[in-house]
Amino acid sequence: MTQDPNTLAAYVVCLDNADYPASLERHKIYKVLPDEEAAADGDIRVIDESGKDYLYSATRFVPIQVPLVVKHSLDEAA
């Protein structure tokens, strides 16, 4: 997932949690935090299972667009 950080998806789905089974769950939606430097390196900053933001390879995720009602629900849960 290499995109302009200004248009980076607010949410992604994890497709690969290899080496990070405690931090990432496959098929789960994660919130993305903008990070231009990380994006330039092919990484993405997400709030993982620890509740903190960490960098992971962007290839582990697929960007998604969620309906507004889902976005509000996800934002409230964070």
N, C-alpha and C. Protein backbone atom coordinates (compact mmCIF):
# COMPACT_ATOMS: atom_id res chain seq x y z
N MET A 1 0.85 -1.18 0.00
CA MET A 1 0.00 0.00 0.00
C MET A 1 0.89 1.23 0.00
N THR A 2 1.23 1.72 -1.13
CA THR A 2 1.99 2.95 -1.19
C THR A 2 1.11 4.02 -1.78
N GLN A 3 0.79 5.00 -0.95
CA GLN A 3 -0.07 6.09 -1.36
C GLN A 3 0.52 7.39 -0.84
N ASP A 4 0.08 8.48 -1.43
CA ASP A 4 0.41 9.79 -0.91
C ASP A 4 -0.13 9.88 0.51
N PRO A 5 0.70 10.24 1.49
CA PRO A 5 0.23 10.29 2.88
C PRO A 5 -0.97 11.20 3.09
N ASN A 6 -1.14 12.19 2.22
CA ASN A 6 -2.27 13.09 2.36
C ASN A 6 -3.59 12.43 1.95
N THR A 7 -3.51 11.32 1.20
CA THR A 7 -4.71 10.62 0.79
C THR A 7 -4.77 9.22 1.39
N LEU A 8 -3.94 8.96 2.35
CA LEU A 8 -3.88 7.65 2.98
C LEU A 8 -5.22 7.27 3.58
N ALA A 9 -5.60 6.04 3.41
CA ALA A 9 -6.87 5.56 3.96
C ALA A 9 -6.86 5.69 5.47
N ALA A 10 -8.00 6.03 6.02
CA ALA A 10 -8.11 6.14 7.47
C ALA A 10 -8.13 4.76 8.12
N TYR A 11 -8.50 3.74 7.35
CA TYR A 11 -8.58 2.38 7.88
C TYR A 11 -8.01 1.39 6.88
N VAL A 12 -7.46 0.31 7.41
CA VAL A 12 -6.93 -0.78 6.60
C VAL A 12 -7.38 -2.09 7.21
N VAL A 13 -7.30 -3.15 6.42
CA VAL A 13 -7.55 -4.50 6.91
C VAL A 13 -6.23 -5.25 6.85
N CYS A 14 -5.91 -5.95 7.92
CA CYS A 14 -4.67 -6.74 7.98
C CYS A 14 -4.87 -8.05 7.23
N LEU A 15 -3.98 -8.34 6.30
CA LEU A 15 -4.02 -9.61 5.58
C LEU A 15 -2.88 -10.53 5.99
N ASP A 16 -1.86 -10.00 6.64
CA ASP A 16 -0.68 -10.79 6.99
C ASP A 16 -0.18 -10.39 8.38
N ASN A 17 -0.32 -11.28 9.34
CA ASN A 17 0.17 -10.99 10.69
C ASN A 17 1.38 -11.86 11.05
N ALA A 18 2.02 -12.47 10.06
CA ALA A 18 3.20 -13.31 10.31
C ALA A 18 4.22 -12.53 11.11
N ASP A 19 4.77 -13.17 12.12
CA ASP A 19 5.76 -12.59 13.04
C ASP A 19 5.15 -11.61 14.05
N TYR A 20 3.87 -11.30 13.94
CA TYR A 20 3.22 -10.36 14.85
C TYR A 20 1.85 -10.87 15.32
N PRO A 21 1.70 -12.15 15.66
CA PRO A 21 0.38 -12.67 16.00
C PRO A 21 -0.25 -12.04 17.24
N ALA A 22 0.55 -11.52 18.15
CA ALA A 22 -0.01 -10.88 19.35
C ALA A 22 -0.37 -9.42 19.08
N SER A 23 0.20 -8.84 18.03
CA SER A 23 0.01 -7.42 17.75
C SER A 23 -1.02 -7.15 16.66
N LEU A 24 -1.15 -8.10 15.73
CA LEU A 24 -2.06 -7.91 14.59
C LEU A 24 -2.93 -9.14 14.42
N GLU A 25 -4.20 -8.92 14.06
CA GLU A 25 -5.11 -10.02 13.76
C GLU A 25 -5.47 -9.95 12.29
N ARG A 26 -5.38 -11.10 11.62
CA ARG A 26 -5.78 -11.15 10.21
C ARG A 26 -7.25 -10.81 10.08
N HIS A 27 -7.57 -10.07 9.05
CA HIS A 27 -8.93 -9.68 8.67
C HIS A 27 -9.55 -8.65 9.61
N LYS A 28 -8.77 -8.08 10.49
CA LYS A 28 -9.29 -7.06 11.39
C LYS A 28 -9.03 -5.67 10.80
N ILE A 29 -9.92 -4.74 11.10
CA ILE A 29 -9.79 -3.36 10.65
C ILE A 29 -8.92 -2.60 11.65
N TYR A 30 -7.93 -1.85 11.13
CA TYR A 30 -7.05 -1.04 11.96
C TYR A 30 -7.09 0.41 11.50
N LYS A 31 -7.01 1.31 12.46
CA LYS A 31 -6.96 2.73 12.18
C LYS A 31 -5.55 3.12 11.78
N VAL A 32 -5.43 3.94 10.76
CA VAL A 32 -4.14 4.42 10.25
C VAL A 32 -3.89 5.82 10.77
N LEU A 33 -2.66 6.06 11.21
CA LEU A 33 -2.24 7.40 11.59
C LEU A 33 -1.29 7.91 10.51
N PRO A 34 -1.48 9.13 10.02
CA PRO A 34 -0.61 9.67 8.97
C PRO A 34 0.84 9.72 9.43
N ASP A 35 1.74 9.30 8.56
CA ASP A 35 3.18 9.33 8.85
C ASP A 35 3.91 9.37 7.51
N GLU A 36 4.25 10.57 7.07
CA GLU A 36 4.89 10.75 5.76
C GLU A 36 6.21 10.00 5.64
N GLU A 37 7.02 10.06 6.68
CA GLU A 37 8.33 9.39 6.65
C GLU A 37 8.16 7.88 6.53
N ALA A 38 7.23 7.32 7.28
CA ALA A 38 6.97 5.88 7.22
C ALA A 38 6.48 5.49 5.83
N ALA A 39 5.54 6.26 5.28
CA ALA A 39 4.99 5.97 3.96
C ALA A 39 6.08 6.00 2.90
N ALA A 40 7.01 6.92 3.02
CA ALA A 40 8.11 7.00 2.06
C ALA A 40 8.99 5.76 2.10
N ASP A 41 9.01 5.09 3.25
CA ASP A 41 9.80 3.86 3.42
C ASP A 41 8.98 2.60 3.15
N GLY A 42 7.71 2.77 2.75
CA GLY A 42 6.87 1.62 2.48
C GLY A 42 6.21 1.03 3.71
N ASP A 43 6.18 1.82 4.78
CA ASP A 43 5.57 1.37 6.02
C ASP A 43 4.27 2.12 6.28
N ILE A 44 3.55 1.64 7.28
CA ILE A 44 2.29 2.27 7.66
C ILE A 44 2.22 2.27 9.19
N ARG A 45 1.68 3.33 9.75
CA ARG A 45 1.54 3.43 11.20
C ARG A 45 0.08 3.13 11.55
N VAL A 46 -0.12 2.06 12.32
CA VAL A 46 -1.47 1.67 12.73
C VAL A 46 -1.53 1.53 14.24
N ILE A 47 -2.73 1.66 14.77
CA ILE A 47 -2.97 1.38 16.17
C ILE A 47 -3.25 -0.11 16.25
N ASP A 48 -2.31 -0.85 16.86
CA ASP A 48 -2.43 -2.30 16.87
C ASP A 48 -3.13 -2.82 18.12
N GLU A 49 -3.02 -4.10 18.40
CA GLU A 49 -3.73 -4.72 19.51
C GLU A 49 -3.28 -4.21 20.88
N SER A 50 -2.10 -3.59 20.95
CA SER A 50 -1.62 -3.04 22.21
C SER A 50 -2.34 -1.73 22.54
N GLY A 51 -3.03 -1.17 21.54
CA GLY A 51 -3.68 0.12 21.72
C GLY A 51 -2.76 1.29 21.43
N LYS A 52 -1.53 0.98 21.03
CA LYS A 52 -0.55 2.02 20.70
C LYS A 52 -0.26 1.95 19.21
N ASP A 53 0.33 3.03 18.69
CA ASP A 53 0.65 3.04 17.27
C ASP A 53 2.05 2.52 17.02
N TYR A 54 2.16 1.67 16.01
CA TYR A 54 3.44 1.09 15.61
C TYR A 54 3.52 1.06 14.10
N LEU A 55 4.75 0.94 13.60
CA LEU A 55 4.99 0.83 12.16
C LEU A 55 5.03 -0.63 11.74
N TYR A 56 4.42 -0.90 10.61
CA TYR A 56 4.46 -2.22 9.99
C TYR A 56 4.62 -2.00 8.49
N SER A 57 5.07 -3.03 7.81
CA SER A 57 5.15 -2.96 6.36
C SER A 57 3.74 -2.77 5.79
N ALA A 58 3.60 -1.83 4.90
CA ALA A 58 2.29 -1.54 4.30
C ALA A 58 1.75 -2.72 3.51
N THR A 59 2.64 -3.63 3.09
CA THR A 59 2.20 -4.79 2.31
C THR A 59 1.36 -5.76 3.13
N ARG A 60 1.34 -5.60 4.44
CA ARG A 60 0.53 -6.46 5.31
C ARG A 60 -0.95 -6.06 5.31
N PHE A 61 -1.26 -4.91 4.72
CA PHE A 61 -2.59 -4.32 4.83
C PHE A 61 -3.16 -3.95 3.47
N VAL A 62 -4.49 -3.82 3.45
CA VAL A 62 -5.20 -3.31 2.28
C VAL A 62 -6.05 -2.14 2.76
N PRO A 63 -5.93 -0.99 2.08
CA PRO A 63 -6.75 0.16 2.48
C PRO A 63 -8.21 -0.08 2.16
N ILE A 64 -9.07 0.43 3.03
CA ILE A 64 -10.51 0.30 2.80
C ILE A 64 -11.19 1.63 3.05
N GLN A 65 -12.35 1.78 2.44
CA GLN A 65 -13.21 2.91 2.74
C GLN A 65 -14.42 2.35 3.45
N VAL A 66 -14.72 2.93 4.59
CA VAL A 66 -15.86 2.45 5.37
C VAL A 66 -16.98 3.47 5.30
N PRO A 67 -18.22 3.00 5.39
CA PRO A 67 -19.34 3.94 5.43
C PRO A 67 -19.20 4.88 6.63
N LEU A 68 -19.74 6.05 6.51
CA LEU A 68 -19.62 7.07 7.55
C LEU A 68 -20.08 6.56 8.91
N VAL A 69 -21.17 5.83 8.96
CA VAL A 69 -21.68 5.32 10.23
C VAL A 69 -20.68 4.35 10.87
N VAL A 70 -20.00 3.56 10.05
CA VAL A 70 -18.97 2.63 10.55
C VAL A 70 -17.76 3.42 11.03
N LYS A 71 -17.36 4.44 10.28
CA LYS A 71 -16.22 5.28 10.68
C LYS A 71 -16.48 5.89 12.05
N HIS A 72 -17.67 6.43 12.27
CA HIS A 72 -18.00 7.03 13.56
C HIS A 72 -17.92 5.98 14.67
N SER A 73 -18.43 4.80 14.40
CA SER A 73 -18.40 3.73 15.40
C SER A 73 -16.96 3.33 15.71
N LEU A 74 -16.13 3.19 14.68
CA LEU A 74 -14.72 2.83 14.89
C LEU A 74 -13.97 3.92 15.64
N ASP A 75 -14.24 5.17 15.30
CA ASP A 75 -13.58 6.29 15.96
C ASP A 75 -13.95 6.34 17.44
N GLU A 76 -15.20 6.05 17.75
CA GLU A 76 -15.64 6.06 19.15
C GLU A 76 -15.01 4.92 19.95
N ALA A 77 -14.76 3.80 19.28
CA ALA A 77 -14.19 2.64 19.95
C ALA A 77 -12.71 2.82 20.25
N ALA A 78 -12.07 3.70 19.53
CA ALA A 78 -10.61 3.87 19.68
C ALA A 78 -10.26 4.62 20.96
